[in-house]
PDB file of N, CA and C in Angstrom:
ATOM      1  N   MET A   1       0.762  -1.382  -0.142  1.00  0.00           N
ATOM      2  CA  MET A   1      -0.180   0.122  -0.061  1.00  0.00           C
ATOM      3  C   MET A   1       0.937   1.251   0.058  1.00  0.00           C
ATOM      4  N   ILE A   2       2.042   1.049   0.615  1.00  0.00           N
ATOM      5  CA  ILE A   2       2.978   2.382   0.493  1.00  0.00           C
ATOM      6  C   ILE A   2       3.330   2.698  -0.779  1.00  0.00           C
ATOM      7  N   HIS A   3       3.525   1.658  -1.708  1.00  0.00           N
ATOM      8  CA  HIS A   3       3.988   2.093  -3.061  1.00  0.00           C
ATOM      9  C   HIS A   3       2.898   2.630  -4.005  1.00  0.00           C
ATOM     10  N   GLY A   4       1.653   2.616  -3.510  1.00  0.00           N
ATOM     11  CA  GLY A   4       0.402   3.198  -4.584  1.00  0.00           C
ATOM     12  C   GLY A   4       0.296   1.959  -5.536  1.00  0.00           C
ATOM     13  N   ALA A   5       0.421   2.517  -6.801  1.00  0.00           N
ATOM     14  CA  ALA A   5      -0.140   1.753  -7.841  1.00  0.00           C
ATOM     15  C   ALA A   5       0.929   0.604  -8.028  1.00  0.00           C
ATOM     16  N   GLU A   6       2.014   0.866  -7.789  1.00  0.00           N
ATOM     17  CA  GLU A   6       3.083  -0.210  -7.879  1.00  0.00           C
ATOM     18  C   GLU A   6       2.852  -1.366  -6.952  1.00  0.00           C
ATOM     19  N   SER A   7       1.675  -1.263  -5.956  1.00  0.00           N
ATOM     20  CA  SER A   7       1.985  -2.399  -4.949  1.00  0.00           C
ATOM     21  C   SER A   7       0.659  -3.825  -5.553  1.00  0.00           C
ATOM     22  N   ILE A   8      -0.110  -3.000  -6.804  1.00  0.00           N
ATOM     23  CA  ILE A   8      -1.170  -3.950  -7.355  1.00  0.00           C
ATOM     24  C   ILE A   8      -0.565  -5.215  -7.697  1.00  0.00           C
ATOM     25  N   GLY A   9       0.730  -5.025  -8.265  1.00  0.00           N
ATOM     26  CA  GLY A   9       1.237  -6.590  -9.048  1.00  0.00           C
ATOM     27  C   GLY A   9       1.509  -7.467  -7.700  1.00  0.00           C
ATOM     28  N   PRO A  10       2.136  -7.095  -6.753  1.00  0.00           N
ATOM     29  CA  PRO A  10       2.418  -8.099  -5.577  1.00  0.00           C
ATOM     30  C   PRO A  10       0.962  -8.432  -4.782  1.00  0.00           C
ATOM     31  N   LEU A  11       0.219  -7.478  -4.593  1.00  0.00           N
ATOM     32  CA  LEU A  11      -1.178  -7.696  -4.210  1.00  0.00           C
ATOM     33  C   LEU A  11      -1.834  -8.763  -4.704  1.00  0.00           C
ATOM     34  N   GLY A  12      -1.840  -8.675  -6.102  1.00  0.00           N
ATOM     35  CA  GLY A  12      -2.399  -9.690  -6.973  1.00  0.00           C
ATOM     36  C   GLY A  12      -1.788 -10.864  -6.965  1.00  0.00           C
ATOM     37  N   THR A  13      -0.544 -11.015  -6.973  1.00  0.00           N
ATOM     38  CA  THR A  13       0.105 -12.447  -7.048  1.00  0.00           C
ATOM     39  C   THR A  13      -0.249 -12.911  -5.722  1.00  0.00           C
ATOM     40  N   ALA A  14      -0.241 -12.220  -4.568  1.00  0.00           N
ATOM     41  CA  ALA A  14      -0.742 -12.713  -3.203  1.00  0.00           C
ATOM     42  C   ALA A  14      -2.070 -13.277  -3.325  1.00  0.00           C
ATOM     43  N   TRP A  15      -2.948 -12.631  -3.708  1.00  0.00           N
ATOM     44  CA  TRP A  15      -4.426 -12.814  -3.845  1.00  0.00           C
ATOM     45  C   TRP A  15      -4.633 -14.159  -4.962  1.00  0.00           C
ATOM     46  N   ALA A  16      -3.948 -14.182  -5.795  1.00  0.00           N
ATOM     47  CA  ALA A  16      -3.858 -15.115  -6.622  1.00  0.00           C
ATOM     48  C   ALA A  16      -3.418 -16.560  -5.927  1.00  0.00           C
ATOM     49  N   MET A  17      -2.272 -16.528  -4.989  1.00  0.00           N
ATOM     50  CA  MET A  17      -2.042 -17.907  -4.332  1.00  0.00           C
ATOM     51  C   MET A  17      -2.905 -18.090  -3.405  1.00  0.00           C
ATOM     52  N   ILE A  18      -3.673 -17.202  -2.570  1.00  0.00           N
ATOM     53  CA  ILE A  18      -4.760 -17.514  -1.664  1.00  0.00           C
ATOM     54  C   ILE A  18      -5.868 -18.116  -2.586  1.00  0.00           C
ATOM     55  N   GLY A  19      -6.112 -17.712  -3.780  1.00  0.00           N
ATOM     56  CA  GLY A  19      -7.408 -18.297  -4.783  1.00  0.00           C
ATOM     57  C   GLY A  19      -7.224 -19.639  -4.955  1.00  0.00           C
ATOM     58  N   ILE A  20      -5.809 -20.119  -5.241  1.00  0.00           N
ATOM     59  CA  ILE A  20      -5.369 -21.455  -5.507  1.00  0.00           C
ATOM     60  C   ILE A  20      -5.501 -22.069  -4.413  1.00  0.00           C
ATOM     61  N   ARG A  21      -5.010 -21.689  -3.453  1.00  0.00           N
ATOM     62  CA  ARG A  21      -5.430 -22.633  -2.108  1.00  0.00           C
ATOM     63  C   ARG A  21      -6.829 -22.924  -1.983  1.00  0.00           C
ATOM     64  N   LYS A  22      -7.485 -21.916  -1.982  1.00  0.00           N
ATOM     65  CA  LYS A  22      -9.293 -22.163  -2.073  1.00  0.00           C
ATOM     66  C   LYS A  22      -9.666 -22.986  -2.847  1.00  0.00           C
ATOM     67  N   ALA A  23      -9.349 -22.979  -4.113  1.00  0.00           N
ATOM     68  CA  ALA A  23      -9.423 -23.976  -5.336  1.00  0.00           C
ATOM     69  C   ALA A  23      -9.074 -25.381  -4.810  1.00  0.00           C
ATOM     70  N   SER A  24      -7.965 -25.426  -4.264  1.00  0.00           N
ATOM     71  CA  SER A  24      -7.657 -26.815  -4.047  1.00  0.00           C
ATOM     72  C   SER A  24      -8.623 -27.469  -3.026  1.00  0.00           C
ATOM     73  N   LYS A  25      -8.932 -26.775  -1.924  1.00  0.00           N
ATOM     74  CA  LYS A  25      -9.889 -27.036  -1.227  1.00  0.00           C
ATOM     75  C   LYS A  25     -11.419 -27.458  -1.715  1.00  0.00           C
ATOM     76  N   SER A  26     -11.766 -26.647  -2.565  1.00  0.00           N
ATOM     77  CA  SER A  26     -12.740 -26.950  -3.399  1.00  0.00           C
ATOM     78  C   SER A  26     -12.641 -28.233  -4.274  1.00  0.00           C
ATOM     79  N   LEU A  27     -11.505 -28.418  -4.873  1.00  0.00           N
ATOM     80  CA  LEU A  27     -11.610 -29.719  -5.566  1.00  0.00           C
ATOM     81  C   LEU A  27     -11.646 -30.966  -4.440  1.00  0.00           C
ATOM     82  N   SER A  28     -10.798 -30.760  -3.282  1.00  0.00           N
ATOM     83  CA  SER A  28     -10.792 -31.917  -2.428  1.00  0.00           C
ATOM     84  C   SER A  28     -12.199 -32.262  -2.066  1.00  0.00           C
ATOM     85  N   ARG A  29     -12.915 -31.158  -1.890  1.00  0.00           N
ATOM     86  CA  ARG A  29     -14.355 -31.439  -1.506  1.00  0.00           C
ATOM     87  C   ARG A  29     -15.188 -32.327  -2.542  1.00  0.00           C
ATOM     88  N   ALA A  30     -14.981 -31.678  -3.587  1.00  0.00           N
ATOM     89  CA  ALA A  30     -15.463 -32.384  -4.976  1.00  0.00           C
ATOM     90  C   ALA A  30     -15.265 -33.993  -5.177  1.00  0.00           C
ATOM     91  N   VAL A  31     -13.844 -34.283  -4.980  1.00  0.00           N
ATOM     92  CA  VAL A  31     -13.303 -35.571  -5.109  1.00  0.00           C
ATOM     93  C   VAL A  31     -13.833 -36.402  -3.793  1.00  0.00           C
ATOM     94  N   GLN A  32     -13.907 -36.090  -2.545  1.00  0.00           N
ATOM     95  CA  GLN A  32     -14.571 -36.599  -1.416  1.00  0.00           C
ATOM     96  C   GLN A  32     -16.175 -37.028  -1.598  1.00  0.00           C
ATOM     97  N   ALA A  33     -16.552 -35.885  -2.172  1.00  0.00           N
ATOM     98  CA  ALA A  33     -18.041 -35.970  -2.475  1.00  0.00           C
ATOM     99  C   ALA A  33     -18.481 -36.911  -3.561  1.00  0.00           C
ATOM    100  N   ALA A  34     -17.360 -37.286  -4.673  1.00  0.00           N
ATOM    101  CA  ALA A  34     -17.616 -38.230  -5.714  1.00  0.00           C
ATOM    102  C   ALA A  34     -17.395 -39.432  -5.268  1.00  0.00           C
ATOM    103  N   GLN A  35     -16.273 -39.516  -4.356  1.00  0.00           N
ATOM    104  CA  GLN A  35     -15.988 -40.785  -3.637  1.00  0.00           C
ATOM    105  C   GLN A  35     -17.318 -41.514  -2.870  1.00  0.00           C
ATOM    106  N   ALA A  36     -17.696 -40.509  -2.172  1.00  0.00           N
ATOM    107  CA  ALA A  36     -18.964 -40.943  -1.400  1.00  0.00           C
ATOM    108  C   ALA A  36     -20.333 -41.192  -2.205  1.00  0.00           C
ATOM    109  N   GLN A  37     -20.023 -40.919  -3.420  1.00  0.00           N
ATOM    110  CA  GLN A  37     -21.231 -40.902  -4.384  1.00  0.00           C
ATOM    111  C   GLN A  37     -22.288 -39.968  -4.053  1.00  0.00           C
ATOM    112  N   THR A  38     -21.981 -38.939  -3.719  1.00  0.00           N
ATOM    113  CA  THR A  38     -23.110 -37.844  -3.412  1.00  0.00           C
ATOM    114  C   THR A  38     -22.767 -36.594  -4.571  1.00  0.00           C
ATOM    115  N   ALA A  39     -23.708 -35.413  -4.417  1.00  0.00           N
ATOM    116  CA  ALA A  39     -23.457 -34.632  -5.595  1.00  0.00           C
ATOM    117  C   ALA A  39     -22.215 -33.799  -5.315  1.00  0.00           C
ATOM    118  N   PHE A  40     -21.604 -33.502  -6.318  1.00  0.00           N
ATOM    119  CA  PHE A  40     -20.164 -32.897  -6.338  1.00  0.00           C
ATOM    120  C   PHE A  40     -20.123 -32.172  -7.399  1.00  0.00           C
ATOM    121  N   ALA A  41     -21.135 -31.607  -8.117  1.00  0.00           N
ATOM    122  CA  ALA A  41     -20.897 -30.935  -9.098  1.00  0.00           C
ATOM    123  C   ALA A  41     -20.730 -29.422  -8.647  1.00  0.00           C
ATOM    124  N   ALA A  42     -21.295 -29.109  -7.707  1.00  0.00           N
ATOM    125  CA  ALA A  42     -21.284 -27.576  -7.349  1.00  0.00           C
ATOM    126  C   ALA A  42     -19.685 -27.211  -6.763  1.00  0.00           C
ATOM    127  N   SER A  43     -19.441 -28.389  -6.027  1.00  0.00           N
ATOM    128  CA  SER A  43     -17.904 -28.200  -5.507  1.00  0.00           C
ATOM    129  C   SER A  43     -16.796 -28.177  -6.569  1.00  0.00           C
ATOM    130  N   PHE A  44     -16.929 -28.833  -7.700  1.00  0.00           N
ATOM    131  CA  PHE A  44     -16.263 -28.947  -8.922  1.00  0.00           C
ATOM    132  C   PHE A  44     -16.330 -27.552  -9.729  1.00  0.00           C
ATOM    133  N   VAL A  45     -17.510 -27.183  -9.933  1.00  0.00           N
ATOM    134  CA  VAL A  45     -17.775 -25.719 -10.531  1.00  0.00           C
ATOM    135  C   VAL A  45     -17.260 -24.656  -9.836  1.00  0.00           C
ATOM    136  N   GLU A  46     -17.262 -24.613  -8.414  1.00  0.00           N
ATOM    137  CA  GLU A  46     -16.443 -23.859  -7.598  1.00  0.00           C
ATOM    138  C   GLU A  46     -15.023 -24.022  -7.706  1.00  0.00           C
ATOM    139  N   PHE A  47     -14.620 -25.212  -7.925  1.00  0.00           N
ATOM    140  CA  PHE A  47     -13.053 -25.122  -8.244  1.00  0.00           C
ATOM    141  C   PHE A  47     -12.671 -24.624  -9.608  1.00  0.00           C
ATOM    142  N   LEU A  48     -13.435 -25.242 -10.690  1.00  0.00           N
ATOM    143  CA  LEU A  48     -13.087 -24.040 -11.877  1.00  0.00           C
ATOM    144  C   LEU A  48     -12.897 -22.895 -11.892  1.00  0.00           C
ATOM    145  N   ILE A  49     -14.138 -22.293 -11.255  1.00  0.00           N
ATOM    146  CA  ILE A  49     -14.179 -20.906 -11.174  1.00  0.00           C
ATOM    147  C   ILE A  49     -12.976 -20.281 -10.297  1.00  0.00           C
ATOM    148  N   ARG A  50     -12.903 -20.768  -9.192  1.00  0.00           N
ATOM    149  CA  ARG A  50     -11.759 -20.424  -8.439  1.00  0.00           C
ATOM    150  C   ARG A  50     -10.504 -20.372  -8.950  1.00  0.00           C
ATOM    151  N   PHE A  51     -10.256 -21.702  -9.548  1.00  0.00           N
ATOM    152  CA  PHE A  51      -8.777 -21.824 -10.369  1.00  0.00           C
ATOM    153  C   PHE A  51      -8.760 -21.040 -11.402  1.00  0.00           C
ATOM    154  N   ILE A  52      -9.728 -20.478 -12.292  1.00  0.00           N
ATOM    155  CA  ILE A  52      -9.555 -19.975 -13.507  1.00  0.00           C
ATOM    156  C   ILE A  52      -9.140 -18.671 -13.149  1.00  0.00           C
ATOM    157  N   PHE A  53      -9.768 -17.847 -12.529  1.00  0.00           N
ATOM    158  CA  PHE A  53      -9.813 -16.544 -11.917  1.00  0.00           C
ATOM    159  C   PHE A  53      -8.433 -16.391 -11.325  1.00  0.00           C
ATOM    160  N   SER A  54      -7.835 -17.386 -10.463  1.00  0.00           N
ATOM    161  CA  SER A  54      -6.594 -17.272  -9.401  1.00  0.00           C
ATOM    162  C   SER A  54      -5.506 -17.206 -10.773  1.00  0.00           C
ATOM    163  N   VAL A  55      -5.661 -18.252 -11.737  1.00  0.00           N
ATOM    164  CA  VAL A  55      -4.571 -18.099 -12.761  1.00  0.00           C
ATOM    165  C   VAL A  55      -4.352 -16.929 -13.617  1.00  0.00           C
ATOM    166  N   MET A  56      -5.544 -16.193 -13.851  1.00  0.00           N
ATOM    167  CA  MET A  56      -5.586 -15.240 -14.798  1.00  0.00           C
ATOM    168  C   MET A  56      -5.006 -14.218 -13.631  1.00  0.00           C
ATOM    169  N   LEU A  57      -5.475 -14.159 -12.655  1.00  0.00           N
ATOM    170  CA  LEU A  57      -4.549 -13.028 -11.580  1.00  0.00           C
ATOM    171  C   LEU A  57      -3.476 -13.316 -11.337  1.00  0.00           C
ATOM    172  N   LEU A  58      -2.763 -14.383 -11.634  1.00  0.00           N
ATOM    173  CA  LEU A  58      -1.483 -14.788 -11.265  1.00  0.00           C
ATOM    174  C   LEU A  58      -0.650 -14.253 -12.454  1.00  0.00           C
ATOM    175  N   LEU A  59      -1.229 -14.498 -13.695  1.00  0.00           N
ATOM    176  CA  LEU A  59      -0.609 -14.286 -14.913  1.00  0.00           C
ATOM    177  C   LEU A  59      -0.397 -12.909 -15.117  1.00  0.00           C
ATOM    178  N   TYR A  60      -1.724 -12.495 -15.071  1.00  0.00           N
ATOM    179  CA  TYR A  60      -1.578 -10.803 -15.251  1.00  0.00           C
ATOM    180  C   TYR A  60      -2.256  -9.894 -14.162  1.00  0.00           C
ATOM    181  N   PRO A  61      -1.352  -9.689 -13.061  1.00  0.00           N
ATOM    182  CA  PRO A  61      -1.913  -9.319 -11.666  1.00  0.00           C
ATOM    183  C   PRO A  61      -2.385  -7.963 -11.646  1.00  0.00           C
ATOM    184  N   ALA A  62      -1.989  -6.952 -12.501  1.00  0.00           N
ATOM    185  CA  ALA A  62      -2.060  -5.460 -12.613  1.00  0.00           C
ATOM    186  C   ALA A  62      -3.363  -5.395 -13.540  1.00  0.00           C
ATOM    187  N   GLU A  63      -3.439  -6.331 -14.522  1.00  0.00           N
ATOM    188  CA  GLU A  63      -4.670  -5.868 -15.804  1.00  0.00           C
ATOM    189  C   GLU A  63      -6.053  -6.751 -15.018  1.00  0.00           C
ATOM    190  N   LYS A  64      -5.892  -7.796 -14.248  1.00  0.00           N
ATOM    191  CA  LYS A  64      -7.318  -8.451 -13.715  1.00  0.00           C
ATOM    192  C   LYS A  64      -7.638  -7.903 -12.557  1.00  0.00           C
ATOM    193  N   PHE A  65      -6.631  -7.142 -11.792  1.00  0.00           N
ATOM    194  CA  PHE A  65      -7.069  -6.948 -10.453  1.00  0.00           C
ATOM    195  C   PHE A  65      -8.488  -6.055 -10.161  1.00  0.00           C
ATOM    196  N   GLN A  66      -8.535  -5.130 -11.056  1.00  0.00           N
ATOM    197  CA  GLN A  66      -9.995  -4.438 -10.932  1.00  0.00           C
ATOM    198  C   GLN A  66     -11.279  -5.469 -11.118  1.00  0.00           C
ATOM    199  N   GLY A  67     -11.008  -6.289 -11.847  1.00  0.00           N
ATOM    200  CA  GLY A  67     -12.053  -7.511 -12.116  1.00  0.00           C
ATOM    201  C   GLY A  67     -12.423  -8.119 -11.005  1.00  0.00           C
ATOM    202  N   HIS A  68     -11.229  -8.624 -10.157  1.00  0.00           N
ATOM    203  CA  HIS A  68     -11.286  -9.381  -8.726  1.00  0.00           C
ATOM    204  C   HIS A  68     -11.809  -8.633  -7.674  1.00  0.00           C
ATOM    205  N   ILE A  69     -11.673  -7.017  -7.743  1.00  0.00           N
ATOM    206  CA  ILE A  69     -12.303  -6.391  -6.635  1.00  0.00           C
ATOM    207  C   ILE A  69     -13.667  -6.503  -7.017  1.00  0.00           C
ATOM    208  N   ILE A  70     -14.113  -6.537  -8.302  1.00  0.00           N
ATOM    209  CA  ILE A  70     -15.614  -6.582  -8.486  1.00  0.00           C
ATOM    210  C   ILE A  70     -16.255  -7.868  -7.967  1.00  0.00           C
ATOM    211  N   LEU A  71     -15.544  -8.763  -8.265  1.00  0.00           N
ATOM    212  CA  LEU A  71     -15.980 -10.293  -8.052  1.00  0.00           C
ATOM    213  C   LEU A  71     -15.958 -10.562  -6.329  1.00  0.00           C
ATOM    214  N   LEU A  72     -14.984  -9.785  -5.576  1.00  0.00           N
ATOM    215  CA  LEU A  72     -14.873  -9.888  -4.286  1.00  0.00           C
ATOM    216  C   LEU A  72     -15.892  -9.181  -3.553  1.00  0.00           C
ATOM    217  N   GLY A  73     -16.355  -8.077  -3.898  1.00  0.00           N
ATOM    218  CA  GLY A  73     -17.451  -7.444  -3.591  1.00  0.00           C
ATOM    219  C   GLY A  73     -18.901  -8.243  -3.949  1.00  0.00           C
ATOM    220  N   LEU A  74     -19.126  -8.866  -5.113  1.00  0.00           N
ATOM    221  CA  LEU A  74     -20.252  -9.764  -5.323  1.00  0.00           C
ATOM    222  C   LEU A  74     -20.454 -10.972  -4.186  1.00  0.00           C
ATOM    223  N   GLU A  75     -19.266 -11.608  -4.126  1.00  0.00           N
ATOM    224  CA  GLU A  75     -18.773 -12.663  -3.462  1.00  0.00           C
ATOM    225  C   GLU A  75     -19.384 -12.226  -1.660  1.00  0.00           C
ATOM    226  N   LEU A  76     -19.055 -10.971  -1.257  1.00  0.00           N
ATOM    227  CA  LEU A  76     -19.284 -10.637  -0.202  1.00  0.00           C
ATOM    228  C   LEU A  76     -20.640 -10.452   0.031  1.00  0.00           C
ATOM    229  N   ILE A  77     -21.449 -10.026  -0.872  1.00  0.00           N
ATOM    230  CA  ILE A  77     -22.815  -9.717  -1.091  1.00  0.00           C
ATOM    231  C   ILE A  77     -23.579 -11.107  -0.977  1.00  0.00           C
ATOM    232  N   ALA A  78     -23.148 -12.109  -1.695  1.00  0.00           N
ATOM    233  CA  ALA A  78     -23.742 -13.351  -1.681  1.00  0.00           C
ATOM    234  C   ALA A  78     -23.602 -14.293  -0.562  1.00  0.00           C
ATOM    235  N   VAL A  79     -22.363 -13.915   0.297  1.00  0.00           N
ATOM    236  CA  VAL A  79     -21.960 -14.466   1.648  1.00  0.00           C
ATOM    237  C   VAL A  79     -23.137 -14.021   2.747  1.00  0.00           C
ATOM    238  N   SER A  80     -23.326 -12.833   2.478  1.00  0.00           N
ATOM    239  CA  SER A  80     -24.139 -11.897   3.522  1.00  0.00           C
ATOM    240  C   SER A  80     -25.481 -12.449   3.266  1.00  0.00           C
ATOM    241  N   ILE A  81     -25.730 -12.559   2.268  1.00  0.00           N
ATOM    242  CA  ILE A  81     -27.282 -13.127   1.888  1.00  0.00           C
ATOM    243  C   ILE A  81     -27.463 -14.589   2.454  1.00  0.00           C
ATOM    244  N   ARG A  82     -26.406 -15.256   2.126  1.00  0.00           N
ATOM    245  CA  ARG A  82     -26.446 -16.880   2.355  1.00  0.00           C
ATOM    246  C   ARG A  82     -26.726 -16.796   4.172  1.00  0.00           C
ATOM    247  N   LEU A  83     -25.800 -15.872   4.813  1.00  0.00           N
ATOM    248  CA  LEU A  83     -25.627 -15.937   6.338  1.00  0.00           C
ATOM    249  C   LEU A  83     -26.989 -15.303   6.800  1.00  0.00           C
ATOM    250  N   THR A  84     -27.769 -14.453   6.302  1.00  0.00           N
ATOM    251  CA  THR A  84     -28.828 -14.018   6.812  1.00  0.00           C
ATOM    252  C   THR A  84     -30.110 -15.097   6.679  1.00  0.00           C
ATOM    253  N   LYS A  85     -29.980 -15.984   5.638  1.00  0.00           N
ATOM    254  CA  LYS A  85     -30.999 -16.981   5.796  1.00  0.00           C
ATOM    255  C   LYS A  85     -30.746 -17.992   6.870  1.00  0.00           C
ATOM    256  N   HIS A  86     -29.722 -18.161   7.455  1.00  0.00           N
ATOM    257  CA  HIS A  86     -29.267 -18.973   8.588  1.00  0.00           C
ATOM    258  C   HIS A  86     -29.427 -18.362   9.744  1.00  0.00           C
ATOM    259  N   LEU A  87     -29.993 -17.199  10.006  1.00  0.00           N
ATOM    260  CA  LEU A  87     -29.789 -16.480  11.279  1.00  0.00           C
ATOM    261  C   LEU A  87     -30.877 -17.262  12.284  1.00  0.00           C
ATOM    262  N   SER A  88     -30.735 -17.272  13.407  1.00  0.00           N
ATOM    263  CA  SER A  88     -31.473 -17.743  14.134  1.00  0.00           C
ATOM    264  C   SER A  88     -32.627 -16.525  14.386  1.00  0.00           C
ATOM    265  N   PRO A  89     -33.831 -16.836  15.123  1.00  0.00           N
ATOM    266  CA  PRO A  89     -34.927 -15.809  15.172  1.00  0.00           C
ATOM    267  C   PRO A  89     -34.440 -14.849  16.189  1.00  0.00           C
ATOM    268  N   ALA A  90     -33.550 -15.170  17.150  1.00  0.00           N
ATOM    269  CA  ALA A  90     -33.065 -14.410  18.298  1.00  0.00           C
ATOM    270  C   ALA A  90     -32.250 -13.102  17.685  1.00  0.00           C
ATOM    271  N   LEU A  91     -31.813 -13.434  16.829  1.00  0.00           N
ATOM    272  CA  LEU A  91     -30.618 -12.545  16.144  1.00  0.00           C
ATOM    273  C   LEU A  91     -31.317 -11.683  15.355  1.00  0.00           C
ATOM    274  N   ASP A  92     -32.526 -12.079  14.890  1.00  0.00           N
ATOM    275  CA  ASP A  92     -33.144 -11.306  13.538  1.00  0.00           C
ATOM    276  C   ASP A  92     -33.674 -10.073  14.079  1.00  0.00           C
ATOM    277  N   GLY A  93     -33.870  -9.959  15.409  1.00  0.00           N
ATOM    278  CA  GLY A  93     -34.441  -8.198  15.649  1.00  0.00           C
ATOM    279  C   GLY A  93     -35.750  -8.102  16.172  1.00  0.00           C
ATOM    280  N   GLU A  94     -36.533  -9.266  15.628  1.00  0.00           N
ATOM    281  CA  GLU A  94     -37.958  -9.315  15.659  1.00  0.00           C
ATOM    282  C   GLU A  94     -38.149 -10.485  17.003  1.00  0.00           C
ATOM    283  N   GLU A  95     -38.796  -9.936  17.789  1.00  0.00           N
ATOM    284  CA  GLU A  95     -39.122 -10.665  19.186  1.00  0.00           C
ATOM    285  C   GLU A  95     -40.321 -10.761  19.322  1.00  0.00           C
TER     286      GLU A  95
END
């Protein structure tokens, strides 16, 4: 952050490495589900998306950084919507 625009490359590379780690976890879940003969398509699609975007960010960190910021924002919105569906009634504020 100290170097301003020059820090986008290292930040993008670090973010790509984190994304590849998350993709490997998604692939692991997909393989485990396939071995257990349960639904694994969602985990496999998650792996593909995470892996493709991570590799793109790793190869072109400065060019793809803005798109990943947008995707991160969309992911945060999706996670917050998913979390609100699982809130207990006591946390909902309506008593």
